Amino acid sequence: MPLLPPPEALTIAFAHQAYGLAAEFAGRGHPARVLEARSADGLRAHVGEADVVVASGLWRNDMIEAAPKLRFIQSVSAGTDQFDKTRLARAGIRLASAQGANERAVAEHAMALILGLQRQLHLARDHQAARYWRPILADRALREEESGGKTLVIVGLGRIGLRLAALARPFGFRLLGVRRRPGPCPEVDALLPPERLYEALGEADIVALTCPLTPETEGLIDAPALAALRPSALLVNVARGRVVDEPALIAALQEGRLAGAGLDCVHEEPLPAESSLWAMPHVIVTPHSAGETRAYETSVIDILLDNLGRLARGEAELRNGLV
């Protein structure tokens, strides 16, 4: 039995502070009624009318009680830790992620952070802003790095992690993967289970975090994990901020126990102005923009339309279905 009303009787609430999801959807010719919100309060005002919500960061779990018609949520992001899946299931509300919509963009962003840190492009940009032409360096320890022969440890070998491995391979990296699921993984040179994480960290020149935020991964890179890294190592996080113990990371950077970090996500977003991370010359901070791409709205609406079709046909399985 179809979970949703017929397309012409459907009301969809799109909620995102910036993306043009409603406009992209309207351009596809679907007959549903479209509502749009640019804030959590705006979504709250519309949620009672909606059969479907398309949202991510603007969702609040207390909206469930105010949404008697709501039957499906299409997350705008691959990460869905903001949704209380138990409460959604109890209310009969299905949930699907946007996994795959930005896997290419996030993997490319991770690669850019790796190469940027190795080639010190952030320092070059600082020098450019200061109109300073840096001389040739006599101290070899201060020079830029090469990728060939370096060990890249990828923590989390889902779609993003595997794509990052494919991007990194031509640069000559030795690739180690850390993943819960055993089995062959030809994309990396060696696959280790989570209980051997510290072993992998001890071999790493660069660690890239591409794992989801779960109870098992929250605080995964804590003070002991950071201590397992060599002082010359780099950390890149395109996962979620809470995968890393941020005070421990700051201490390791300040004390020279970590050479640098590329951070697309942090504990509190936006990053507070008083955070020490802003002023660290060996840190690149990007504003959780790894997943941003000019094709993002197109990809999310593709997933949404696929799932609307499945629900209209009464199918149980959703694309990226979670609840």
C-alpha atoms as a PDB file:
ATOM      1  CA  MET A   1       0.000   0.000   0.000  1.00  0.00           C
ATOM      2  CA  PRO A   2       1.439   3.445  -0.875  1.00  0.00           C
ATOM      3  CA  LEU A   3       2.693   5.327   2.158  1.00  0.00           C
ATOM      4  CA  LEU A   4       2.101   8.762   0.584  1.00  0.00           C
ATOM      5  CA  PRO A   5      -0.863  10.545  -1.019  1.00  0.00           C
ATOM      6  CA  PRO A   6      -0.996  10.766  -4.832  1.00  0.00           C
ATOM      7  CA  PRO A   7       1.637  13.118  -6.314  1.00  0.00           C
ATOM      8  CA  GLU A   8      -0.856  15.902  -7.007  1.00  0.00           C
ATOM      9  CA  ALA A   9      -2.050  15.803  -3.361  1.00  0.00           C
ATOM     10  CA  LEU A  10       1.463  15.698  -1.896  1.00  0.00           C
ATOM     11  CA  THR A  11       2.989  18.535   0.158  1.00  0.00           C
ATOM     12  CA  ILE A  12       6.784  18.671   0.408  1.00  0.00           C
ATOM     13  CA  ALA A  13       8.645  21.031   2.741  1.00  0.00           C
ATOM     14  CA  PHE A  14      12.214  21.832   1.699  1.00  0.00           C
ATOM     15  CA  ALA A  15      14.428  23.253   4.431  1.00  0.00           C
ATOM     16  CA  HIS A  16      17.988  24.418   3.927  1.00  0.00           C
ATOM     17  CA  GLN A  17      19.658  27.703   4.788  1.00  0.00           C
ATOM     18  CA  ALA A  18      21.246  28.100   1.359  1.00  0.00           C
ATOM     19  CA  TYR A  19      20.628  25.389  -1.226  1.00  0.00           C
ATOM     20  CA  GLY A  20      18.037  25.862  -3.962  1.00  0.00           C
ATOM     21  CA  LEU A  21      16.384  22.478  -3.527  1.00  0.00           C
ATOM     22  CA  ALA A  22      12.818  23.708  -3.979  1.00  0.00           C
ATOM     23  CA  ALA A  23      13.709  25.435  -7.247  1.00  0.00           C
ATOM     24  CA  GLU A  24      15.489  22.336  -8.536  1.00  0.00           C
ATOM     25  CA  PHE A  25      12.494  20.182  -7.617  1.00  0.00           C
ATOM     26  CA  ALA A  26      10.037  22.602  -9.224  1.00  0.00           C
ATOM     27  CA  GLY A  27      12.013  22.393 -12.455  1.00  0.00           C
ATOM     28  CA  ARG A  28      11.427  18.640 -12.652  1.00  0.00           C
ATOM     29  CA  GLY A  29       7.688  19.019 -13.312  1.00  0.00           C
ATOM     30  CA  HIS A  30       6.446  17.114 -10.256  1.00  0.00           C
ATOM     31  CA  PRO A  31       2.890  18.196  -9.309  1.00  0.00           C
ATOM     32  CA  ALA A  32       3.444  18.247  -5.523  1.00  0.00           C
ATOM     33  CA  ARG A  33       2.815  21.404  -3.522  1.00  0.00           C
ATOM     34  CA  VAL A  34       6.143  22.907  -2.488  1.00  0.00           C
ATOM     35  CA  LEU A  35       6.939  24.751   0.750  1.00  0.00           C
ATOM     36  CA  GLU A  36      10.356  26.245   1.501  1.00  0.00           C
ATOM     37  CA  ALA A  37      12.099  27.208   4.745  1.00  0.00           C
ATOM     38  CA  ARG A  38      15.473  28.805   5.375  1.00  0.00           C
ATOM     39  CA  SER A  39      15.622  28.289   9.141  1.00  0.00           C
ATOM     40  CA  ALA A  40      14.597  25.767  11.782  1.00  0.00           C
ATOM     41  CA  ASP A  41      11.795  28.090  12.853  1.00  0.00           C
ATOM     42  CA  GLY A  42      10.644  28.334   9.243  1.00  0.00           C
ATOM     43  CA  LEU A  43      10.540  24.547   8.959  1.00  0.00           C
ATOM     44  CA  ARG A  44       8.693  24.334  12.257  1.00  0.00           C
ATOM     45  CA  ALA A  45       6.036  26.656  10.844  1.00  0.00           C
ATOM     46  CA  HIS A  46       5.498  24.372   7.818  1.00  0.00           C
ATOM     47  CA  VAL A  47       6.085  20.896   9.192  1.00  0.00           C
ATOM     48  CA  GLY A  48       2.467  20.353  10.213  1.00  0.00           C
ATOM     49  CA  GLU A  49       1.389  20.640   6.563  1.00  0.00           C
ATOM     50  CA  ALA A  50       4.053  18.377   5.119  1.00  0.00           C
ATOM     51  CA  ASP A  51       3.776  14.790   3.944  1.00  0.00           C
ATOM     52  CA  VAL A  52       7.475  14.874   3.079  1.00  0.00           C
ATOM     53  CA  VAL A  53      10.332  16.912   4.543  1.00  0.00           C
ATOM     54  CA  VAL A  54      13.630  17.428   2.737  1.00  0.00           C
ATOM     55  CA  ALA A  55      16.064  18.718   5.349  1.00  0.00           C
ATOM     56  CA  SER A  56      19.192  18.029   7.329  1.00  0.00           C
ATOM     57  CA  GLY A  57      20.760  20.583   9.677  1.00  0.00           C
ATOM     58  CA  LEU A  58      17.478  22.465  10.169  1.00  0.00           C
ATOM     59  CA  TRP A  59      15.615  19.386  11.413  1.00  0.00           C
ATOM     60  CA  ARG A  60      14.723  19.180  15.113  1.00  0.00           C
ATOM     61  CA  ASN A  61      13.420  15.926  16.569  1.00  0.00           C
ATOM     62  CA  ASP A  62      10.700  17.671  18.583  1.00  0.00           C
ATOM     63  CA  MET A  63       9.080  18.509  15.225  1.00  0.00           C
ATOM     64  CA  ILE A  64       7.819  14.914  15.054  1.00  0.00           C
ATOM     65  CA  GLU A  65       4.960  15.679  17.436  1.00  0.00           C
ATOM     66  CA  ALA A  66       3.958  18.713  15.342  1.00  0.00           C
ATOM     67  CA  ALA A  67       3.880  16.753  12.073  1.00  0.00           C
ATOM     68  CA  PRO A  68       0.830  14.455  12.006  1.00  0.00           C
ATOM     69  CA  LYS A  69       0.935  14.059   8.205  1.00  0.00           C
ATOM     70  CA  LEU A  70       4.660  13.501   7.892  1.00  0.00           C
ATOM     71  CA  ARG A  71       5.562  10.093   6.467  1.00  0.00           C
ATOM     72  CA  PHE A  72       8.971  10.518   4.852  1.00  0.00           C
ATOM     73  CA  ILE A  73      12.134  12.552   5.456  1.00  0.00           C
ATOM     74  CA  GLN A  74      14.752  12.818   2.744  1.00  0.00           C
ATOM     75  CA  SER A  75      17.963  13.938   4.384  1.00  0.00           C
ATOM     76  CA  VAL A  76      19.890  16.549   2.431  1.00  0.00           C
ATOM     77  CA  SER A  77      23.168  15.111   3.715  1.00  0.00           C
ATOM     78  CA  ALA A  78      24.816  11.716   3.877  1.00  0.00           C
ATOM     79  CA  GLY A  79      25.188  12.095   7.637  1.00  0.00           C
ATOM     80  CA  THR A  80      21.975  11.498   9.592  1.00  0.00           C
ATOM     81  CA  ASP A  81      23.095  11.607  13.229  1.00  0.00           C
ATOM     82  CA  GLN A  82      20.765  14.585  13.826  1.00  0.00           C
ATOM     83  CA  PHE A  83      17.682  12.383  13.291  1.00  0.00           C
ATOM     84  CA  ASP A  84      16.310  10.297  16.182  1.00  0.00           C
ATOM     85  CA  LYS A  85      15.678   7.112  14.232  1.00  0.00           C
ATOM     86  CA  THR A  86      13.895   5.366  17.099  1.00  0.00           C
ATOM     87  CA  ARG A  87      11.367   8.184  17.441  1.00  0.00           C
ATOM     88  CA  LEU A  88      10.884   8.350  13.683  1.00  0.00           C
ATOM     89  CA  ALA A  89      10.194   4.614  13.483  1.00  0.00           C
ATOM     90  CA  ARG A  90       7.750   4.845  16.372  1.00  0.00           C
ATOM     91  CA  ALA A  91       5.900   7.632  14.523  1.00  0.00           C
ATOM     92  CA  GLY A  92       5.832   5.680  11.253  1.00  0.00           C
ATOM     93  CA  ILE A  93       8.113   8.152   9.464  1.00  0.00           C
ATOM     94  CA  ARG A  94      10.564   6.753   6.912  1.00  0.00           C
ATOM     95  CA  LEU A  95      14.063   8.249   6.555  1.00  0.00           C
ATOM     96  CA  ALA A  96      16.630   8.095   3.757  1.00  0.00           C
ATOM     97  CA  SER A  97      20.041   9.688   3.497  1.00  0.00           C
ATOM     98  CA  ALA A  98      21.617  11.523   0.585  1.00  0.00           C
ATOM     99  CA  GLN A  99      24.564   9.150   0.578  1.00  0.00           C
ATOM    100  CA  GLY A 100      26.329   9.294  -2.747  1.00  0.00           C
ATOM    101  CA  ALA A 101      25.158  12.806  -3.609  1.00  0.00           C
ATOM    102  CA  ASN A 102      28.490  14.329  -2.669  1.00  0.00           C
ATOM    103  CA  GLU A 103      30.896  11.413  -2.365  1.00  0.00           C
ATOM    104  CA  ARG A 104      33.005  12.691  -5.247  1.00  0.00           C
ATOM    105  CA  ALA A 105      33.138  16.228  -3.831  1.00  0.00           C
ATOM    106  CA  VAL A 106      34.060  15.113  -0.302  1.00  0.00           C
ATOM    107  CA  ALA A 107      36.766  12.744  -1.510  1.00  0.00           C
ATOM    108  CA  GLU A 108      38.226  15.439  -3.779  1.00  0.00           C
ATOM    109  CA  HIS A 109      38.140  17.919  -0.886  1.00  0.00           C
ATOM    110  CA  ALA A 110      40.001  15.447   1.330  1.00  0.00           C
ATOM    111  CA  MET A 111      42.590  14.990  -1.411  1.00  0.00           C
ATOM    112  CA  ALA A 112      42.912  18.758  -1.772  1.00  0.00           C
ATOM    113  CA  LEU A 113      43.524  19.128   1.966  1.00  0.00           C
ATOM    114  CA  ILE A 114      46.152  16.376   1.876  1.00  0.00           C
ATOM    115  CA  LEU A 115      48.008  17.925  -1.050  1.00  0.00           C
ATOM    116  CA  GLY A 116      47.549  21.440   0.285  1.00  0.00           C
ATOM    117  CA  LEU A 117      49.116  20.511   3.608  1.00  0.00           C
ATOM    118  CA  GLN A 118      51.939  18.585   1.967  1.00  0.00           C
ATOM    119  CA  ARG A 119      52.731  21.412  -0.455  1.00  0.00           C
ATOM    120  CA  GLN A 120      52.131  24.111   2.198  1.00  0.00           C
ATOM    121  CA  LEU A 121      49.680  26.017   0.017  1.00  0.00           C
ATOM    122  CA  HIS A 122      48.097  27.577   3.101  1.00  0.00           C
ATOM    123  CA  LEU A 123      51.450  29.089   4.042  1.00  0.00           C
ATOM    124  CA  ALA A 124      51.973  30.295   0.498  1.00  0.00           C
ATOM    125  CA  ARG A 125      48.594  32.034   0.627  1.00  0.00           C
ATOM    126  CA  ASP A 126      49.534  33.682   3.932  1.00  0.00           C
ATOM    127  CA  HIS A 127      52.795  34.838   2.378  1.00  0.00           C
ATOM    128  CA  GLN A 128      50.939  36.184  -0.630  1.00  0.00           C
ATOM    129  CA  ALA A 129      48.616  38.198   1.617  1.00  0.00           C
ATOM    130  CA  ALA A 130      51.696  39.596   3.373  1.00  0.00           C
ATOM    131  CA  ARG A 131      53.490  40.274   0.032  1.00  0.00           C
ATOM    132  CA  TYR A 132      56.350  38.092   1.261  1.00  0.00           C
ATOM    133  CA  TRP A 133      58.525  36.066  -1.128  1.00  0.00           C
ATOM    134  CA  ARG A 134      59.761  33.143   0.929  1.00  0.00           C
ATOM    135  CA  PRO A 135      63.417  32.283   0.218  1.00  0.00           C
ATOM    136  CA  ILE A 136      64.664  28.787  -0.611  1.00  0.00           C
ATOM    137  CA  LEU A 137      64.803  26.790   2.608  1.00  0.00           C
ATOM    138  CA  ALA A 138      68.067  25.352   3.876  1.00  0.00           C
ATOM    139  CA  ASP A 139      66.298  23.426   6.653  1.00  0.00           C
ATOM    140  CA  ARG A 140      65.012  20.264   4.988  1.00  0.00           C
ATOM    141  CA  ALA A 141      62.506  19.683   7.797  1.00  0.00           C
ATOM    142  CA  LEU A 142      60.683  22.886   6.834  1.00  0.00           C
ATOM    143  CA  ARG A 143      60.328  22.095   3.134  1.00  0.00           C
ATOM    144  CA  GLU A 144      57.280  20.783   1.319  1.00  0.00           C
ATOM    145  CA  GLU A 145      56.525  17.046   1.213  1.00  0.00           C
ATOM    146  CA  GLU A 146      56.059  14.595  -1.643  1.00  0.00           C
ATOM    147  CA  SER A 147      53.324  11.965  -1.720  1.00  0.00           C
ATOM    148  CA  GLY A 148      55.231   9.056  -3.284  1.00  0.00           C
ATOM    149  CA  GLY A 149      55.970   6.356  -0.743  1.00  0.00           C
ATOM    150  CA  LYS A 150      54.001   8.013   2.060  1.00  0.00           C
ATOM    151  CA  THR A 151      51.414   6.003   3.994  1.00  0.00           C
ATOM    152  CA  LEU A 152      47.842   7.272   3.913  1.00  0.00           C
ATOM    153  CA  VAL A 153      45.521   5.686   6.461  1.00  0.00           C
ATOM    154  CA  ILE A 154      41.842   6.021   5.566  1.00  0.00           C
ATOM    155  CA  VAL A 155      39.521   5.472   8.521  1.00  0.00           C
ATOM    156  CA  GLY A 156      36.154   4.490   7.084  1.00  0.00           C
ATOM    157  CA  LEU A 157      35.977   2.774   3.714  1.00  0.00           C
ATOM    158  CA  GLY A 158      32.498   3.604   2.579  1.00  0.00           C
ATOM    159  CA  ARG A 159      31.841   5.372  -0.701  1.00  0.00           C
ATOM    160  CA  ILE A 160      33.886   8.446   0.216  1.00  0.00           C
ATOM    161  CA  GLY A 161      36.802   6.481   1.640  1.00  0.00           C
ATOM    162  CA  LEU A 162      36.990   4.183  -1.367  1.00  0.00           C
ATOM    163  CA  ARG A 163      36.839   7.120  -3.767  1.00  0.00           C
ATOM    164  CA  LEU A 164      39.611   8.856  -1.817  1.00  0.00           C
ATOM    165  CA  ALA A 165      41.710   5.695  -2.105  1.00  0.00           C
ATOM    166  CA  ALA A 166      41.212   5.737  -5.891  1.00  0.00           C
ATOM    167  CA  LEU A 167      42.249   9.393  -6.054  1.00  0.00           C
ATOM    168  CA  ALA A 168      45.299   8.851  -3.863  1.00  0.00           C
ATOM    169  CA  ARG A 169      46.618   5.768  -5.638  1.00  0.00           C
ATOM    170  CA  PRO A 170      48.126   7.597  -8.667  1.00  0.00           C
ATOM    171  CA  PHE A 171      50.102   9.870  -6.331  1.00  0.00           C
ATOM    172  CA  GLY A 172      52.065   6.869  -5.094  1.00  0.00           C
ATOM    173  CA  PHE A 173      50.645   6.576  -1.601  1.00  0.00           C
ATOM    174  CA  ARG A 174      50.763   3.326   0.312  1.00  0.00           C
ATOM    175  CA  LEU A 175      47.149   2.882   1.368  1.00  0.00           C
ATOM    176  CA  LEU A 176      45.943   1.376   4.642  1.00  0.00           C
ATOM    177  CA  GLY A 177      42.223   1.138   5.350  1.00  0.00           C
ATOM    178  CA  VAL A 178      40.439   0.762   8.676  1.00  0.00           C
ATOM    179  CA  ARG A 179      36.956  -0.705   8.403  1.00  0.00           C
ATOM    180  CA  ARG A 180      34.606  -2.758  10.571  1.00  0.00           C
ATOM    181  CA  ARG A 181      33.442  -4.999   7.736  1.00  0.00           C
ATOM    182  CA  PRO A 182      36.026  -7.691   6.900  1.00  0.00           C
ATOM    183  CA  GLY A 183      36.626  -9.144   3.476  1.00  0.00           C
ATOM    184  CA  PRO A 184      38.645  -8.296   0.401  1.00  0.00           C
ATOM    185  CA  CYS A 185      39.271  -4.657  -0.390  1.00  0.00           C
ATOM    186  CA  PRO A 186      41.548  -4.356  -3.436  1.00  0.00           C
ATOM    187  CA  GLU A 187      41.371  -0.539  -3.319  1.00  0.00           C
ATOM    188  CA  VAL A 188      43.875  -0.482  -0.426  1.00  0.00           C
ATOM    189  CA  ASP A 189      47.171  -2.244   0.204  1.00  0.00           C
ATOM    190  CA  ALA A 190      46.041  -3.545   3.584  1.00  0.00           C
ATOM    191  CA  LEU A 191      42.736  -3.580   5.456  1.00  0.00           C
ATOM    192  CA  LEU A 192      42.697  -3.496   9.250  1.00  0.00           C
ATOM    193  CA  PRO A 193      39.783  -3.890  11.694  1.00  0.00           C
ATOM    194  CA  PRO A 194      39.031  -1.097  14.217  1.00  0.00           C
ATOM    195  CA  GLU A 195      40.789  -2.963  17.021  1.00  0.00           C
ATOM    196  CA  ARG A 196      44.053  -2.485  15.075  1.00  0.00           C
ATOM    197  CA  LEU A 197      43.537   1.265  14.615  1.00  0.00           C
ATOM    198  CA  TYR A 198      46.558   2.229  16.723  1.00  0.00           C
ATOM    199  CA  GLU A 199      48.744  -0.075  14.671  1.00  0.00           C
ATOM    200  CA  ALA A 200      47.622   1.734  11.525  1.00  0.00           C
ATOM    201  CA  LEU A 201      48.106   5.151  13.131  1.00  0.00           C
ATOM    202  CA  GLY A 202      51.662   4.245  14.055  1.00  0.00           C
ATOM    203  CA  GLU A 203      52.470   3.720  10.360  1.00  0.00           C
ATOM    204  CA  ALA A 204      50.661   6.804   9.084  1.00  0.00           C
ATOM    205  CA  ASP A 205      52.131   9.843   7.413  1.00  0.00           C
ATOM    206  CA  ILE A 206      48.594  11.098   6.851  1.00  0.00           C
ATOM    207  CA  VAL A 207      45.314  10.012   8.449  1.00  0.00           C
ATOM    208  CA  ALA A 208      42.075  10.793   6.606  1.00  0.00           C
ATOM    209  CA  LEU A 209      38.802  10.423   8.502  1.00  0.00           C
ATOM    210  CA  THR A 210      35.912   9.514   6.185  1.00  0.00           C
ATOM    211  CA  CYS A 211      33.787   7.493   8.615  1.00  0.00           C
ATOM    212  CA  PRO A 212      30.231   8.242   9.768  1.00  0.00           C
ATOM    213  CA  LEU A 213      29.567   9.570  13.260  1.00  0.00           C
ATOM    214  CA  THR A 214      28.281   6.665  15.348  1.00  0.00           C
ATOM    215  CA  PRO A 215      28.549   5.742  19.039  1.00  0.00           C
ATOM    216  CA  GLU A 216      31.629   3.713  18.061  1.00  0.00           C
ATOM    217  CA  THR A 217      33.366   6.535  16.181  1.00  0.00           C
ATOM    218  CA  GLU A 218      32.533   9.464  18.453  1.00  0.00           C
ATOM    219  CA  GLY A 219      35.828  10.531  20.047  1.00  0.00           C
ATOM    220  CA  LEU A 220      37.665   7.839  18.089  1.00  0.00           C
ATOM    221  CA  ILE A 221      40.700  10.071  17.562  1.00  0.00           C
ATOM    222  CA  ASP A 222      41.329  10.916  21.196  1.00  0.00           C
ATOM    223  CA  ALA A 223      44.496  11.698  23.136  1.00  0.00           C
ATOM    224  CA  PRO A 224      45.825   8.097  23.075  1.00  0.00           C
ATOM    225  CA  ALA A 225      45.098   7.809  19.354  1.00  0.00           C
ATOM    226  CA  LEU A 226      46.893  11.079  18.678  1.00  0.00           C
ATOM    227  CA  ALA A 227      49.816   9.847  20.783  1.00  0.00           C
ATOM    228  CA  ALA A 228      50.071   6.823  18.479  1.00  0.00           C
ATOM    229  CA  LEU A 229      50.850   9.140  15.552  1.00  0.00           C
ATOM    230  CA  ARG A 230      54.342  10.297  14.694  1.00  0.00           C
ATOM    231  CA  PRO A 231      55.011  14.030  15.211  1.00  0.00           C
ATOM    232  CA  SER A 232      55.459  14.371  11.441  1.00  0.00           C
ATOM    233  CA  ALA A 233      51.956  13.048  10.708  1.00  0.00           C
ATOM    234  CA  LEU A 234      49.026  15.022   9.290  1.00  0.00           C
ATOM    235  CA  LEU A 235      45.339  14.598  10.144  1.00  0.00           C
ATOM    236  CA  VAL A 236      42.517  15.331   7.689  1.00  0.00           C
ATOM    237  CA  ASN A 237      38.904  15.231   8.861  1.00  0.00           C
ATOM    238  CA  VAL A 238      36.044  15.287   6.344  1.00  0.00           C
ATOM    239  CA  ALA A 239      33.831  13.070   8.543  1.00  0.00           C
ATOM    240  CA  ARG A 240      32.246  14.781  11.554  1.00  0.00           C
ATOM    241  CA  GLY A 241      33.851  17.029  14.134  1.00  0.00           C
ATOM    242  CA  ARG A 242      33.002  14.787  17.059  1.00  0.00           C
ATOM    243  CA  VAL A 243      34.992  11.900  15.616  1.00  0.00           C
ATOM    244  CA  VAL A 244      37.974  13.824  16.996  1.00  0.00           C
ATOM    245  CA  ASP A 245      38.598  14.873  20.596  1.00  0.00           C
ATOM    246  CA  GLU A 246      39.093  18.542  19.736  1.00  0.00           C
ATOM    247  CA  PRO A 247      40.864  19.698  22.952  1.00  0.00           C
ATOM    248  CA  ALA A 248      43.272  16.762  22.582  1.00  0.00           C
ATOM    249  CA  LEU A 249      43.876  17.689  18.937  1.00  0.00           C
ATOM    250  CA  ILE A 250      44.569  21.318  19.803  1.00  0.00           C
ATOM    251  CA  ALA A 251      47.006  20.250  22.521  1.00  0.00           C
ATOM    252  CA  ALA A 252      48.835  17.902  20.128  1.00  0.00           C
ATOM    253  CA  LEU A 253      49.148  20.679  17.528  1.00  0.00           C
ATOM    254  CA  GLN A 254      50.281  23.267  20.058  1.00  0.00           C
ATOM    255  CA  GLU A 255      52.863  20.939  21.572  1.00  0.00           C
ATOM    256  CA  GLY A 256      54.344  19.838  18.235  1.00  0.00           C
ATOM    257  CA  ARG A 257      53.128  16.256  18.545  1.00  0.00           C
ATOM    258  CA  LEU A 258      51.288  16.567  15.218  1.00  0.00           C
ATOM    259  CA  ALA A 259      52.620  18.338  12.132  1.00  0.00           C
ATOM    260  CA  GLY A 260      49.327  19.719  10.865  1.00  0.00           C
ATOM    261  CA  ALA A 261      45.635  19.217  10.255  1.00  0.00           C
ATOM    262  CA  GLY A 262      43.054  19.852   7.563  1.00  0.00           C
ATOM    263  CA  LEU A 263      39.642  20.215   9.181  1.00  0.00           C
ATOM    264  CA  ASP A 264      36.391  20.511   7.292  1.00  0.00           C
ATOM    265  CA  CYS A 265      34.343  19.821  10.410  1.00  0.00           C
ATOM    266  CA  VAL A 266      34.740  20.786  14.045  1.00  0.00           C
ATOM    267  CA  HIS A 267      32.835  20.292  17.290  1.00  0.00           C
ATOM    268  CA  GLU A 268      30.946  23.564  17.189  1.00  0.00           C
ATOM    269  CA  GLU A 269      29.964  24.993  13.819  1.00  0.00           C
ATOM    270  CA  PRO A 270      30.530  27.766  12.937  1.00  0.00           C
ATOM    271  CA  LEU A 271      33.931  27.497  14.590  1.00  0.00           C
ATOM    272  CA  PRO A 272      33.925  30.025  17.469  1.00  0.00           C
ATOM    273  CA  ALA A 273      36.075  33.105  16.893  1.00  0.00           C
ATOM    274  CA  GLU A 274      38.046  32.357  20.051  1.00  0.00           C
ATOM    275  CA  SER A 275      39.099  28.867  18.889  1.00  0.00           C
ATOM    276  CA  SER A 276      42.853  28.340  18.788  1.00  0.00           C
ATOM    277  CA  LEU A 277      42.477  26.511  15.482  1.00  0.00           C
ATOM    278  CA  TRP A 278      41.930  29.754  13.531  1.00  0.00           C
ATOM    279  CA  ALA A 279      45.413  31.107  14.177  1.00  0.00           C
ATOM    280  CA  MET A 280      47.460  27.921  13.852  1.00  0.00           C
ATOM    281  CA  PRO A 281      49.702  28.255  10.780  1.00  0.00           C
ATOM    282  CA  HIS A 282      49.847  24.479  10.276  1.00  0.00           C
ATOM    283  CA  VAL A 283      46.053  24.039  10.198  1.00  0.00           C
ATOM    284  CA  ILE A 284      43.674  24.489   7.264  1.00  0.00           C
ATOM    285  CA  VAL A 285      40.059  25.078   8.288  1.00  0.00           C
ATOM    286  CA  THR A 286      37.261  24.880   5.723  1.00  0.00           C
ATOM    287  CA  PRO A 287      33.634  25.660   6.711  1.00  0.00           C
ATOM    288  CA  HIS A 288      32.146  22.158   6.377  1.00  0.00           C
ATOM    289  CA  SER A 289      32.168  22.768   2.642  1.00  0.00           C
ATOM    290  CA  ALA A 290      33.638  19.451   1.489  1.00  0.00           C
ATOM    291  CA  GLY A 291      30.279  18.302   0.212  1.00  0.00           C
ATOM    292  CA  GLU A 292      29.472  21.529  -1.598  1.00  0.00           C
ATOM    293  CA  THR A 293      29.330  21.298  -5.357  1.00  0.00           C
ATOM    294  CA  ARG A 294      27.402  23.046  -8.090  1.00  0.00           C
ATOM    295  CA  ALA A 295      25.712  19.727  -8.837  1.00  0.00           C
ATOM    296  CA  TYR A 296      24.516  19.074  -5.272  1.00  0.00           C
ATOM    297  CA  GLU A 297      20.875  20.084  -5.654  1.00  0.00           C
ATOM    298  CA  THR A 298      20.613  17.972  -8.806  1.00  0.00           C
ATOM    299  CA  SER A 299      21.972  14.910  -7.015  1.00  0.00           C
ATOM    300  CA  VAL A 300      19.744  15.279  -3.934  1.00  0.00           C
ATOM    301  CA  ILE A 301      16.584  15.771  -6.000  1.00  0.00           C
ATOM    302  CA  ASP A 302      17.505  12.707  -8.087  1.00  0.00           C
ATOM    303  CA  ILE A 303      17.531  10.652  -4.870  1.00  0.00           C
ATOM    304  CA  LEU A 304      14.326  12.278  -3.620  1.00  0.00           C
ATOM    305  CA  LEU A 305      12.425  11.551  -6.846  1.00  0.00           C
ATOM    306  CA  ASP A 306      13.645   7.963  -6.831  1.00  0.00           C
ATOM    307  CA  ASN A 307      12.355   7.518  -3.278  1.00  0.00           C
ATOM    308  CA  LEU A 308       9.054   9.262  -3.964  1.00  0.00           C
ATOM    309  CA  GLY A 309       8.515   6.824  -6.818  1.00  0.00           C
ATOM    310  CA  ARG A 310       9.290   3.846  -4.607  1.00  0.00           C
ATOM    311  CA  LEU A 311       6.927   5.057  -1.893  1.00  0.00           C
ATOM    312  CA  ALA A 312       4.179   5.737  -4.455  1.00  0.00           C
ATOM    313  CA  ARG A 313       4.524   2.145  -5.640  1.00  0.00           C
ATOM    314  CA  GLY A 314       4.340   0.819  -2.096  1.00  0.00           C
ATOM    315  CA  GLU A 315       7.876  -0.516  -2.144  1.00  0.00           C
ATOM    316  CA  ALA A 316       9.517  -1.266   1.196  1.00  0.00           C
ATOM    317  CA  GLU A 317      13.100  -0.606   0.132  1.00  0.00           C
ATOM    318  CA  LEU A 318      14.260   3.012  -0.221  1.00  0.00           C
ATOM    319  CA  ARG A 319      17.402   4.302  -1.856  1.00  0.00           C
ATOM    320  CA  ASN A 320      19.731   4.909   1.106  1.00  0.00           C
ATOM    321  CA  GLY A 321      16.864   3.940   3.399  1.00  0.00           C
ATOM    322  CA  LEU A 322      17.543   4.030   7.149  1.00  0.00           C
ATOM    323  CA  VAL A 323      14.116   3.916   8.799  1.00  0.00           C
END
